[in-house]
Amino acid sequence: MKKIFSIFLVALTSLFVVACGDSKTPTPSADTNVSLSLKVGTAPNYKPFDYKEDAKLTGLDIDLVNEIAKREGIELTWVEMSFDGLIPALKTGKIDMIASAMSATEERRKSVDFSDVYYTTKNLYIKKKDNEALNSKEDLEGKIIGVQLGTLQEPAAKAIKDTKVQSNESLSVMIMELKEGKIDAVIADKDVAKGFLKENADLIEFFEEEDGSEGFSFAFDKDKQKEAIEKFNKGLKDLKADGTYDKILAKYELN
């Protein structure tokens, strides 16, 4: 009877171990010891920086972060959400880091820390090709402008005299509104806008300007992720030094 009980106990223990498993995200590399675990927030609707292809996250941000994590022994868990919800999620501890084409600005620095800049871009103004009334930024006075919610293009649009600004968490929605004639123009990140222009022959650019930021950086909660920032800054330098950074840029037609 004791022997039967022992066999039963061993079998039960084995089942328990199998059932519990390992809930952690797999380590970045079999040869790399994990030194840090991070939940990374991203808004996957910003091609070519953050988007989904065949149900998988991809884009410049995704590739850069994954490559650095692999080299630096960082375990990642990706968390998808709307762009305007990223900083609130960071401040409440739902995520540890933002990798989502976020521009480093003095205003944002009041509540978050940024890594070194990994990409710089500009604002691009888009209109319907047959709209001959818009040829400059000044022509937008009193017009309706569409932007993505929470981006730097939102205050840029609001700064134009007498404009009505419409925001949506998806830039695709604003592009559709433009095509349907419900708004007069869209202001978007230049590299994101290029994709929409390529897909929509009835839209053209008519003005370009600096976006007023230092450039895209990875964001972390204020004074809480010194080790992570050091690792990502080191990782960015290494990727640029060995040519990997340029290869990733080329992959997304960003160089």
Protein backbone atom coordinates (compact mmCIF):
# COMPACT_ATOMS: atom_id res chain seq x y z
CA MET A 1 0.00 0.00 0.00
CA LYS A 2 2.88 2.37 0.88
CA LYS A 3 4.52 1.62 -2.47
CA ILE A 4 1.31 2.42 -4.37
CA PHE A 5 0.92 5.67 -2.41
CA SER A 6 4.53 6.69 -3.18
CA ILE A 7 4.02 6.08 -6.91
CA PHE A 8 0.80 8.12 -6.77
CA LEU A 9 2.57 10.98 -4.94
CA VAL A 10 5.42 11.10 -7.50
CA ALA A 11 2.93 11.14 -10.38
CA LEU A 12 0.89 13.90 -8.73
CA THR A 13 4.02 16.01 -8.16
CA SER A 14 5.03 15.62 -11.80
CA LEU A 15 1.61 16.72 -12.97
CA PHE A 16 1.79 19.77 -10.71
CA VAL A 17 5.16 20.83 -12.15
CA VAL A 18 3.91 20.43 -15.73
CA ALA A 19 0.71 22.36 -14.97
CA CYS A 20 2.55 25.28 -13.37
CA GLY A 21 5.07 25.67 -16.19
CA ASP A 22 6.98 28.97 -16.64
CA SER A 23 4.90 32.11 -17.08
CA LYS A 24 7.86 34.30 -18.00
CA THR A 25 8.58 35.43 -21.52
CA PRO A 26 11.39 33.28 -23.00
CA THR A 27 14.87 34.72 -22.51
CA PRO A 28 16.17 36.77 -25.43
CA SER A 29 18.95 34.33 -26.22
CA ALA A 30 19.95 30.88 -25.11
CA ASP A 31 23.50 32.08 -24.49
CA THR A 32 22.53 35.29 -22.65
CA ASN A 33 21.79 35.52 -18.94
CA VAL A 34 18.71 37.63 -18.22
CA SER A 35 19.69 40.63 -16.12
CA LEU A 36 16.51 42.69 -16.45
CA SER A 37 12.84 42.15 -17.25
CA LEU A 38 10.75 44.90 -18.84
CA LYS A 39 7.15 45.34 -19.97
CA VAL A 40 7.36 47.44 -23.12
CA GLY A 41 4.39 49.51 -24.29
CA THR A 42 3.77 50.24 -27.96
CA ALA A 43 0.94 51.49 -30.18
CA PRO A 44 1.09 49.21 -33.24
CA ASN A 45 -0.63 51.52 -35.73
CA TYR A 46 2.32 53.65 -36.83
CA LYS A 47 3.99 52.04 -39.82
CA PRO A 48 6.98 51.79 -40.39
CA PHE A 49 7.87 52.29 -36.72
CA ASP A 50 5.31 50.15 -34.90
CA TYR A 51 2.71 47.97 -36.63
CA LYS A 52 1.47 44.42 -37.07
CA GLU A 53 2.11 42.15 -40.02
CA ASP A 54 0.67 38.63 -40.12
CA ALA A 55 -0.49 39.22 -36.52
CA LYS A 56 3.11 39.87 -35.36
CA LEU A 57 4.56 43.10 -34.02
CA THR A 58 7.11 44.62 -36.35
CA GLY A 59 8.69 47.95 -37.26
CA LEU A 60 11.83 49.96 -36.50
CA ASP A 61 11.10 50.28 -32.76
CA ILE A 62 10.31 46.60 -32.39
CA ASP A 63 13.45 45.44 -34.19
CA LEU A 64 15.74 47.85 -32.33
CA VAL A 65 14.38 46.93 -28.91
CA ASN A 66 14.41 43.17 -29.60
CA GLU A 67 17.99 43.28 -30.89
CA ILE A 68 19.24 45.35 -27.95
CA ALA A 69 17.40 43.09 -25.49
CA LYS A 70 19.01 40.01 -27.03
CA ARG A 71 22.47 41.51 -26.69
CA GLU A 72 22.02 43.01 -23.24
CA GLY A 73 20.22 40.09 -21.61
CA ILE A 74 16.86 41.83 -21.17
CA GLU A 75 13.65 39.84 -20.97
CA LEU A 76 10.76 41.58 -22.76
CA THR A 77 6.99 41.47 -22.55
CA TRP A 78 5.30 43.59 -25.24
CA VAL A 79 2.10 45.40 -24.26
CA GLU A 80 -0.10 46.92 -26.98
CA MET A 81 -2.22 50.02 -26.33
CA SER A 82 -3.23 53.37 -27.82
CA PHE A 83 -0.49 55.99 -28.15
CA ASP A 84 -2.18 58.51 -25.83
CA GLY A 85 -2.38 55.83 -23.11
CA LEU A 86 1.34 55.03 -23.08
CA ILE A 87 2.62 57.66 -20.62
CA PRO A 88 -0.30 57.12 -18.18
CA ALA A 89 0.44 53.38 -18.30
CA LEU A 90 4.11 54.08 -17.62
CA LYS A 91 3.30 56.31 -14.65
CA THR A 92 0.97 53.72 -13.10
CA GLY A 93 3.41 50.84 -13.50
CA LYS A 94 1.47 48.90 -16.12
CA ILE A 95 4.54 49.11 -18.36
CA ASP A 96 8.21 49.82 -17.67
CA MET A 97 9.20 51.34 -20.97
CA ILE A 98 7.75 52.94 -24.11
CA ALA A 99 8.99 52.01 -27.58
CA SER A 100 6.54 53.71 -29.91
CA ALA A 101 8.11 56.47 -32.03
CA MET A 102 7.79 58.85 -29.09
CA SER A 103 9.43 62.23 -29.54
CA ALA A 104 11.57 63.51 -26.70
CA THR A 105 10.35 66.94 -25.63
CA GLU A 106 10.93 69.20 -22.63
CA GLU A 107 7.28 68.87 -21.65
CA ARG A 108 7.46 65.07 -21.60
CA ARG A 109 10.77 65.17 -19.71
CA LYS A 110 8.88 66.52 -16.72
CA SER A 111 7.36 63.08 -16.17
CA VAL A 112 9.59 60.59 -18.02
CA ASP A 113 13.25 59.88 -18.74
CA PHE A 114 14.40 59.32 -22.32
CA SER A 115 17.10 57.22 -23.88
CA ASP A 116 19.44 58.67 -26.47
CA VAL A 117 17.68 59.67 -29.70
CA TYR A 118 17.50 56.87 -32.27
CA TYR A 119 15.67 58.62 -35.14
CA THR A 120 14.75 62.15 -36.23
CA THR A 121 11.88 63.15 -38.47
CA LYS A 122 9.64 66.06 -39.55
CA ASN A 123 5.98 67.03 -39.80
CA LEU A 124 4.38 66.58 -43.20
CA TYR A 125 1.16 68.31 -44.24
CA ILE A 126 -1.14 66.33 -46.57
CA LYS A 127 -4.14 67.40 -48.66
CA LYS A 128 -6.28 66.06 -51.49
CA LYS A 129 -4.57 66.53 -54.83
CA ASP A 130 -7.48 68.50 -56.27
CA ASN A 131 -7.56 71.01 -53.38
CA GLU A 132 -5.95 74.05 -54.98
CA ALA A 133 -6.77 76.31 -52.03
CA LEU A 134 -4.03 74.83 -49.84
CA ASN A 135 -0.45 75.62 -50.81
CA SER A 136 1.14 76.78 -47.56
CA LYS A 137 0.74 76.49 -43.80
CA GLU A 138 -0.92 79.91 -43.70
CA ASP A 139 -3.65 78.63 -46.02
CA LEU A 140 -4.82 76.35 -43.19
CA GLU A 141 -6.18 79.23 -41.09
CA GLY A 142 -9.84 78.53 -40.37
CA LYS A 143 -9.62 75.01 -41.81
CA ILE A 144 -10.22 71.55 -40.28
CA ILE A 145 -7.07 69.54 -39.62
CA GLY A 146 -6.79 65.87 -38.67
CA VAL A 147 -4.01 64.41 -36.47
CA GLN A 148 -3.24 61.33 -34.45
CA LEU A 149 -4.23 61.72 -30.81
CA GLY A 150 -1.37 62.42 -28.40
CA THR A 151 1.28 63.11 -31.06
CA LEU A 152 3.35 66.26 -31.55
CA GLN A 153 1.28 67.00 -34.64
CA GLU A 154 -1.71 67.74 -32.40
CA PRO A 155 -0.25 70.92 -30.78
CA ALA A 156 1.23 71.88 -34.17
CA ALA A 157 -2.26 71.89 -35.66
CA LYS A 158 -3.76 73.75 -32.69
CA ALA A 159 -1.14 76.47 -33.05
CA ILE A 160 -2.51 77.45 -36.46
CA LYS A 161 -4.94 80.37 -36.19
CA ASP A 162 -8.68 79.62 -36.07
CA THR A 163 -8.32 75.94 -36.96
CA LYS A 164 -10.57 73.16 -35.83
CA VAL A 165 -8.49 70.11 -34.91
CA GLN A 166 -9.87 66.58 -35.06
CA SER A 167 -7.89 63.84 -33.29
CA ASN A 168 -8.14 60.06 -33.42
CA GLU A 169 -5.93 57.34 -31.98
CA SER A 170 -5.66 55.92 -35.51
CA LEU A 171 -4.08 58.04 -38.24
CA SER A 172 -5.79 55.80 -40.80
CA VAL A 173 -9.14 57.20 -39.66
CA MET A 174 -7.94 60.76 -40.28
CA ILE A 175 -6.65 59.83 -43.73
CA MET A 176 -10.06 58.38 -44.58
CA GLU A 177 -11.74 61.56 -43.34
CA LEU A 178 -9.44 63.57 -45.62
CA LYS A 179 -10.20 61.41 -48.64
CA GLU A 180 -13.94 61.78 -47.99
CA GLY A 181 -13.65 65.58 -47.79
CA LYS A 182 -14.68 65.78 -44.14
CA ILE A 183 -11.46 67.56 -43.18
CA ASP A 184 -9.11 69.81 -45.16
CA ALA A 185 -5.68 68.44 -44.26
CA VAL A 186 -3.76 65.96 -42.14
CA ILE A 187 -0.50 66.60 -40.31
CA ALA A 188 1.57 63.47 -39.73
CA ASP A 189 5.08 62.27 -39.12
CA LYS A 190 6.89 62.45 -42.48
CA ASP A 191 7.95 58.80 -42.62
CA VAL A 192 4.50 57.57 -41.63
CA ALA A 193 2.83 59.94 -44.09
CA LYS A 194 4.99 58.64 -46.96
CA GLY A 195 3.31 55.25 -46.63
CA PHE A 196 -0.17 56.77 -46.90
CA LEU A 197 0.86 58.89 -49.91
CA LYS A 198 2.22 55.79 -51.63
CA GLU A 199 -1.10 53.99 -51.15
CA ASN A 200 -3.36 56.95 -52.02
CA ALA A 201 -2.70 58.62 -55.38
CA ASP A 202 -5.38 61.24 -54.68
CA LEU A 203 -3.36 62.69 -51.77
CA ILE A 204 -0.24 64.87 -51.91
CA GLU A 205 2.06 66.73 -49.52
CA PHE A 206 2.12 70.52 -49.56
CA PHE A 207 4.21 71.62 -46.57
CA GLU A 208 7.02 70.26 -44.40
CA GLU A 209 8.56 71.50 -41.13
CA GLU A 210 10.65 70.44 -38.15
CA ASP A 211 8.54 68.75 -35.48
CA GLY A 212 10.13 70.73 -32.62
CA SER A 213 11.46 67.70 -30.75
CA GLU A 214 14.88 66.19 -30.15
CA GLY A 215 13.83 63.06 -32.04
CA PHE A 216 12.40 59.61 -31.26
CA SER A 217 13.59 58.05 -28.01
CA PHE A 218 12.63 55.19 -25.71
CA ALA A 219 10.83 56.46 -22.59
CA PHE A 220 11.02 55.28 -18.96
CA ASP A 221 9.33 56.39 -15.76
CA LYS A 222 11.11 59.31 -14.11
CA ASP A 223 14.15 58.30 -12.01
CA LYS A 224 13.19 54.61 -11.91
CA GLN A 225 15.02 52.83 -14.73
CA LYS A 226 18.64 53.98 -14.66
CA GLU A 227 19.99 50.50 -15.46
CA ALA A 228 17.60 50.03 -18.39
CA ILE A 229 18.45 53.43 -19.87
CA GLU A 230 22.17 52.67 -19.65
CA LYS A 231 21.67 49.32 -21.37
CA PHE A 232 19.58 50.78 -24.20
CA ASN A 233 21.98 53.67 -24.75
CA LYS A 234 24.87 51.21 -24.90
CA GLY A 235 22.84 48.95 -27.20
CA LEU A 236 22.07 51.80 -29.61
CA LYS A 237 25.75 52.76 -29.80
CA ASP A 238 26.73 49.14 -30.48
CA LEU A 239 24.09 48.72 -33.21
CA LYS A 240 25.31 51.87 -34.94
CA ALA A 241 28.95 50.88 -34.60
CA ASP A 242 28.60 47.44 -36.19
CA GLY A 243 26.18 48.45 -38.98
CA THR A 244 23.11 46.67 -37.60
CA TYR A 245 21.28 49.97 -37.12
CA ASP A 246 21.70 50.92 -40.78
CA LYS A 247 20.51 47.48 -41.88
CA ILE A 248 17.32 47.86 -39.82
CA LEU A 249 16.74 51.34 -41.26
CA ALA A 250 17.13 49.93 -44.76
CA LYS A 251 14.67 47.15 -44.00
CA TYR A 252 11.97 49.79 -43.41
CA GLU A 253 13.18 52.15 -46.16
CA LEU A 254 14.17 54.79 -43.60
CA ASN A 255 17.67 55.62 -44.78
